[in-house]
Amino acid sequence: MTTTIARIRTVVLLACLLVGLSASSAGAQSLSDLGGRLGVSGGPSQFYIGGHGAFGPLVDQLWFRPNLEAGFGDNVTVLAFNIEFQYRIKLTGSLSNAPWSPYIIAGPALVYAHTSVGNFSGSSTGGGFNIGFGLQHSRGLFTEIKFGVADSPDFKFGVGYNFR
């Protein structure tokens, strides 16, 4: 149990360090949004919660949006630090004033998983990659679908809110 807590602490500290380094290397962009999220995932089948920050724009329509998610279920606890970039698709014409706007999201992830089944207990840390798309409302609500490879969950569907 103590090794598990120590590993979780190490993953969280590394995630905080990566956020700090990434934010300063992203042209010292200011934090524009903080938000929360929750949803379900498949591979493993879990419920997840998390939070994120958005920095940018780095360049036209491209934002840096790191997030930390914790998944529970299927005899596994997953902590994922996702180093994602969000490309906000600019709508034109009659849709330019629409309250909902689409985006594409992608980036690498640092994933810690702790499995506990009966007498077996083990953990691992690995890398993954996520790619997906979503819709964001001008008042902060958003919904997204992400697909993962390597150690990232295979599929995620989530909803969240950006506090501005």
C-alpha atoms as a PDB file:
ATOM      1  CA  MET A   1       0.000   0.000   0.000  1.00  0.00           C
ATOM      2  CA  THR A   2       2.801   2.454   0.842  1.00  0.00           C
ATOM      3  CA  THR A   3       4.551   1.767  -2.476  1.00  0.00           C
ATOM      4  CA  THR A   4       1.303   2.477  -4.301  1.00  0.00           C
ATOM      5  CA  ILE A   5       0.943   5.834  -2.534  1.00  0.00           C
ATOM      6  CA  ALA A   6       4.596   6.638  -3.253  1.00  0.00           C
ATOM      7  CA  ARG A   7       4.122   5.807  -6.949  1.00  0.00           C
ATOM      8  CA  ILE A   8       0.950   7.892  -7.184  1.00  0.00           C
ATOM      9  CA  ARG A   9       2.774  10.790  -5.505  1.00  0.00           C
ATOM     10  CA  THR A  10       5.658  10.422  -7.989  1.00  0.00           C
ATOM     11  CA  VAL A  11       3.305  10.414 -10.998  1.00  0.00           C
ATOM     12  CA  VAL A  12       1.451  13.499  -9.698  1.00  0.00           C
ATOM     13  CA  LEU A  13       4.722  15.349  -9.025  1.00  0.00           C
ATOM     14  CA  LEU A  14       6.014  14.498 -12.515  1.00  0.00           C
ATOM     15  CA  ALA A  15       2.724  15.668 -14.010  1.00  0.00           C
ATOM     16  CA  CYS A  16       2.959  19.000 -12.165  1.00  0.00           C
ATOM     17  CA  LEU A  17       6.554  19.415 -13.303  1.00  0.00           C
ATOM     18  CA  LEU A  18       5.594  18.712 -16.925  1.00  0.00           C
ATOM     19  CA  VAL A  19       2.741  21.231 -16.762  1.00  0.00           C
ATOM     20  CA  GLY A  20       5.085  23.876 -15.393  1.00  0.00           C
ATOM     21  CA  LEU A  21       7.736  23.227 -18.019  1.00  0.00           C
ATOM     22  CA  SER A  22       5.219  23.018 -20.848  1.00  0.00           C
ATOM     23  CA  ALA A  23       3.468  26.215 -19.856  1.00  0.00           C
ATOM     24  CA  SER A  24       6.702  28.207 -19.773  1.00  0.00           C
ATOM     25  CA  SER A  25       7.900  26.732 -23.064  1.00  0.00           C
ATOM     26  CA  ALA A  26       4.579  27.487 -24.736  1.00  0.00           C
ATOM     27  CA  GLY A  27       5.552  31.097 -25.238  1.00  0.00           C
ATOM     28  CA  ALA A  28       4.529  32.039 -21.691  1.00  0.00           C
ATOM     29  CA  GLN A  29       0.869  31.980 -22.708  1.00  0.00           C
ATOM     30  CA  SER A  30      -1.610  32.888 -20.030  1.00  0.00           C
ATOM     31  CA  LEU A  31      -4.097  30.488 -18.505  1.00  0.00           C
ATOM     32  CA  SER A  32      -7.422  31.211 -20.206  1.00  0.00           C
ATOM     33  CA  ASP A  33      -9.666  28.434 -18.848  1.00  0.00           C
ATOM     34  CA  LEU A  34      -9.795  26.045 -15.915  1.00  0.00           C
ATOM     35  CA  GLY A  35     -12.280  23.241 -16.078  1.00  0.00           C
ATOM     36  CA  GLY A  36     -13.542  19.939 -14.832  1.00  0.00           C
ATOM     37  CA  ARG A  37     -14.687  16.801 -16.617  1.00  0.00           C
ATOM     38  CA  LEU A  38     -16.287  13.426 -16.026  1.00  0.00           C
ATOM     39  CA  GLY A  39     -17.195  10.513 -18.207  1.00  0.00           C
ATOM     40  CA  VAL A  40     -16.884   6.850 -19.021  1.00  0.00           C
ATOM     41  CA  SER A  41     -14.137   4.884 -20.730  1.00  0.00           C
ATOM     42  CA  GLY A  42     -13.738   1.508 -22.350  1.00  0.00           C
ATOM     43  CA  GLY A  43     -10.585  -0.599 -22.220  1.00  0.00           C
ATOM     44  CA  PRO A  44     -10.685  -0.542 -19.159  1.00  0.00           C
ATOM     45  CA  SER A  45     -14.409   0.004 -18.444  1.00  0.00           C
ATOM     46  CA  GLN A  46     -14.356   2.872 -15.982  1.00  0.00           C
ATOM     47  CA  PHE A  47     -15.900   6.064 -14.694  1.00  0.00           C
ATOM     48  CA  TYR A  48     -13.426   8.960 -14.729  1.00  0.00           C
ATOM     49  CA  ILE A  49     -13.138  12.482 -13.319  1.00  0.00           C
ATOM     50  CA  GLY A  50     -10.534  15.131 -13.938  1.00  0.00           C
ATOM     51  CA  GLY A  51      -9.521  18.714 -14.431  1.00  0.00           C
ATOM     52  CA  HIS A  52      -7.696  20.770 -17.026  1.00  0.00           C
ATOM     53  CA  GLY A  53      -6.215  24.145 -17.848  1.00  0.00           C
ATOM     54  CA  ALA A  54      -6.121  25.835 -21.247  1.00  0.00           C
ATOM     55  CA  PHE A  55      -3.220  28.048 -22.332  1.00  0.00           C
ATOM     56  CA  GLY A  56      -3.227  30.046 -25.492  1.00  0.00           C
ATOM     57  CA  PRO A  57      -3.727  30.495 -28.230  1.00  0.00           C
ATOM     58  CA  LEU A  58      -0.199  29.297 -29.040  1.00  0.00           C
ATOM     59  CA  VAL A  59      -0.864  30.100 -32.695  1.00  0.00           C
ATOM     60  CA  ASP A  60      -4.130  30.814 -34.485  1.00  0.00           C
ATOM     61  CA  GLN A  61      -6.815  28.467 -33.061  1.00  0.00           C
ATOM     62  CA  LEU A  62      -4.277  26.115 -31.334  1.00  0.00           C
ATOM     63  CA  TRP A  63      -4.394  25.825 -27.522  1.00  0.00           C
ATOM     64  CA  PHE A  64      -2.313  23.839 -25.040  1.00  0.00           C
ATOM     65  CA  ARG A  65      -4.755  21.955 -22.756  1.00  0.00           C
ATOM     66  CA  PRO A  66      -3.047  19.591 -20.278  1.00  0.00           C
ATOM     67  CA  ASN A  67      -5.344  17.580 -18.045  1.00  0.00           C
ATOM     68  CA  LEU A  68      -5.221  15.103 -15.200  1.00  0.00           C
ATOM     69  CA  GLU A  69      -7.811  12.310 -15.067  1.00  0.00           C
ATOM     70  CA  ALA A  70      -8.492   9.559 -12.530  1.00  0.00           C
ATOM     71  CA  GLY A  71     -10.428   6.459 -13.602  1.00  0.00           C
ATOM     72  CA  PHE A  72     -12.094   3.935 -11.305  1.00  0.00           C
ATOM     73  CA  GLY A  73     -13.582   0.514 -12.064  1.00  0.00           C
ATOM     74  CA  ASP A  74     -12.858  -2.835 -13.701  1.00  0.00           C
ATOM     75  CA  ASN A  75     -10.470  -3.670 -10.786  1.00  0.00           C
ATOM     76  CA  VAL A  76      -8.111  -0.914 -11.992  1.00  0.00           C
ATOM     77  CA  THR A  77      -7.382   2.628 -10.838  1.00  0.00           C
ATOM     78  CA  VAL A  78      -5.888   4.771 -13.594  1.00  0.00           C
ATOM     79  CA  LEU A  79      -4.201   8.176 -13.255  1.00  0.00           C
ATOM     80  CA  ALA A  80      -3.522   9.824 -16.607  1.00  0.00           C
ATOM     81  CA  PHE A  81      -1.658  13.061 -17.267  1.00  0.00           C
ATOM     82  CA  ASN A  82      -2.628  14.024 -20.813  1.00  0.00           C
ATOM     83  CA  ILE A  83      -0.444  16.584 -22.577  1.00  0.00           C
ATOM     84  CA  GLU A  84      -3.000  17.575 -25.186  1.00  0.00           C
ATOM     85  CA  PHE A  85      -3.306  20.259 -27.820  1.00  0.00           C
ATOM     86  CA  GLN A  86      -6.719  21.525 -28.914  1.00  0.00           C
ATOM     87  CA  TYR A  87      -7.364  22.942 -32.374  1.00  0.00           C
ATOM     88  CA  ARG A  88     -10.538  25.029 -32.304  1.00  0.00           C
ATOM     89  CA  ILE A  89     -12.242  24.960 -35.696  1.00  0.00           C
ATOM     90  CA  LYS A  90     -13.359  28.453 -36.686  1.00  0.00           C
ATOM     91  CA  LEU A  91     -16.870  28.451 -38.144  1.00  0.00           C
ATOM     92  CA  THR A  92     -17.687  30.852 -40.965  1.00  0.00           C
ATOM     93  CA  GLY A  93     -20.733  32.167 -42.779  1.00  0.00           C
ATOM     94  CA  SER A  94     -24.112  31.640 -41.149  1.00  0.00           C
ATOM     95  CA  LEU A  95     -22.465  29.422 -38.467  1.00  0.00           C
ATOM     96  CA  SER A  96     -19.957  32.055 -37.309  1.00  0.00           C
ATOM     97  CA  ASN A  97     -22.250  33.105 -34.427  1.00  0.00           C
ATOM     98  CA  ALA A  98     -23.308  29.575 -33.438  1.00  0.00           C
ATOM     99  CA  PRO A  99     -23.008  28.898 -29.679  1.00  0.00           C
ATOM    100  CA  TRP A 100     -21.393  25.471 -30.266  1.00  0.00           C
ATOM    101  CA  SER A 101     -18.018  25.144 -31.959  1.00  0.00           C
ATOM    102  CA  PRO A 102     -16.120  21.949 -32.886  1.00  0.00           C
ATOM    103  CA  TYR A 103     -12.535  21.117 -31.986  1.00  0.00           C
ATOM    104  CA  ILE A 104      -9.945  18.409 -32.507  1.00  0.00           C
ATOM    105  CA  ILE A 105      -7.711  17.268 -29.656  1.00  0.00           C
ATOM    106  CA  ALA A 106      -4.534  15.166 -29.624  1.00  0.00           C
ATOM    107  CA  GLY A 107      -1.429  14.552 -27.551  1.00  0.00           C
ATOM    108  CA  PRO A 108       0.736  12.150 -25.549  1.00  0.00           C
ATOM    109  CA  ALA A 109      -0.089  10.834 -22.085  1.00  0.00           C
ATOM    110  CA  LEU A 110       1.671   9.537 -18.987  1.00  0.00           C
ATOM    111  CA  VAL A 111      -0.483   6.731 -17.560  1.00  0.00           C
ATOM    112  CA  TYR A 112      -0.244   5.068 -14.126  1.00  0.00           C
ATOM    113  CA  ALA A 113      -2.439   1.994 -13.535  1.00  0.00           C
ATOM    114  CA  HIS A 114      -2.925   0.020 -10.317  1.00  0.00           C
ATOM    115  CA  THR A 115      -4.678  -3.346 -10.641  1.00  0.00           C
ATOM    116  CA  SER A 116      -6.141  -5.244  -7.696  1.00  0.00           C
ATOM    117  CA  VAL A 117      -7.899  -8.596  -8.232  1.00  0.00           C
ATOM    118  CA  GLY A 118      -8.244 -11.000  -5.311  1.00  0.00           C
ATOM    119  CA  ASN A 119      -4.775 -11.625  -3.886  1.00  0.00           C
ATOM    120  CA  PHE A 120      -3.063 -10.025  -6.889  1.00  0.00           C
ATOM    121  CA  SER A 121      -2.029  -6.392  -6.755  1.00  0.00           C
ATOM    122  CA  GLY A 122       0.278  -4.671  -9.220  1.00  0.00           C
ATOM    123  CA  SER A 123       0.945  -1.371 -10.883  1.00  0.00           C
ATOM    124  CA  SER A 124       2.573   0.003 -13.997  1.00  0.00           C
ATOM    125  CA  THR A 125       3.459   3.314 -15.570  1.00  0.00           C
ATOM    126  CA  GLY A 126       3.584   3.819 -19.307  1.00  0.00           C
ATOM    127  CA  GLY A 127       2.995   6.138 -22.202  1.00  0.00           C
ATOM    128  CA  GLY A 128       0.007   6.574 -24.429  1.00  0.00           C
ATOM    129  CA  PHE A 129      -1.465   8.849 -27.061  1.00  0.00           C
ATOM    130  CA  ASN A 130      -4.968  10.305 -27.384  1.00  0.00           C
ATOM    131  CA  ILE A 131      -6.813  11.747 -30.371  1.00  0.00           C
ATOM    132  CA  GLY A 132     -10.396  12.905 -30.505  1.00  0.00           C
ATOM    133  CA  PHE A 133     -12.940  15.580 -31.200  1.00  0.00           C
ATOM    134  CA  GLY A 134     -15.497  17.589 -29.311  1.00  0.00           C
ATOM    135  CA  LEU A 135     -18.028  20.386 -29.194  1.00  0.00           C
ATOM    136  CA  GLN A 136     -17.647  23.414 -26.938  1.00  0.00           C
ATOM    137  CA  HIS A 137     -20.406  25.873 -26.004  1.00  0.00           C
ATOM    138  CA  SER A 138     -19.585  29.564 -25.698  1.00  0.00           C
ATOM    139  CA  ARG A 139     -20.788  29.482 -22.071  1.00  0.00           C
ATOM    140  CA  GLY A 140     -18.331  26.743 -21.060  1.00  0.00           C
ATOM    141  CA  LEU A 141     -20.052  23.365 -21.417  1.00  0.00           C
ATOM    142  CA  PHE A 142     -18.254  20.832 -23.629  1.00  0.00           C
ATOM    143  CA  THR A 143     -18.454  17.209 -24.667  1.00  0.00           C
ATOM    144  CA  GLU A 144     -15.742  15.103 -26.269  1.00  0.00           C
ATOM    145  CA  ILE A 145     -14.844  11.658 -27.554  1.00  0.00           C
ATOM    146  CA  LYS A 146     -11.242  10.431 -27.403  1.00  0.00           C
ATOM    147  CA  PHE A 147      -9.503   7.316 -28.706  1.00  0.00           C
ATOM    148  CA  GLY A 148      -6.293   6.095 -27.061  1.00  0.00           C
ATOM    149  CA  VAL A 149      -3.392   3.855 -28.010  1.00  0.00           C
ATOM    150  CA  ALA A 150      -0.658   2.108 -26.003  1.00  0.00           C
ATOM    151  CA  ASP A 151      -1.398   2.546 -22.253  1.00  0.00           C
ATOM    152  CA  SER A 152      -4.163   5.156 -22.680  1.00  0.00           C
ATOM    153  CA  PRO A 153      -7.767   3.913 -22.336  1.00  0.00           C
ATOM    154  CA  ASP A 154      -9.082   2.724 -25.726  1.00  0.00           C
ATOM    155  CA  PHE A 155     -12.140   5.009 -25.735  1.00  0.00           C
ATOM    156  CA  LYS A 156     -13.498   7.886 -23.641  1.00  0.00           C
ATOM    157  CA  PHE A 157     -16.732   9.838 -23.729  1.00  0.00           C
ATOM    158  CA  GLY A 158     -16.921  12.815 -21.429  1.00  0.00           C
ATOM    159  CA  VAL A 159     -18.644  16.061 -20.579  1.00  0.00           C
ATOM    160  CA  GLY A 160     -17.183  19.004 -18.778  1.00  0.00           C
ATOM    161  CA  TYR A 161     -17.270  22.698 -18.023  1.00  0.00           C
ATOM    162  CA  ASN A 162     -14.753  25.510 -18.547  1.00  0.00           C
ATOM    163  CA  PHE A 163     -14.696  28.191 -15.845  1.00  0.00           C
ATOM    164  CA  ARG A 164     -13.457  31.416 -17.402  1.00  0.00           C
END
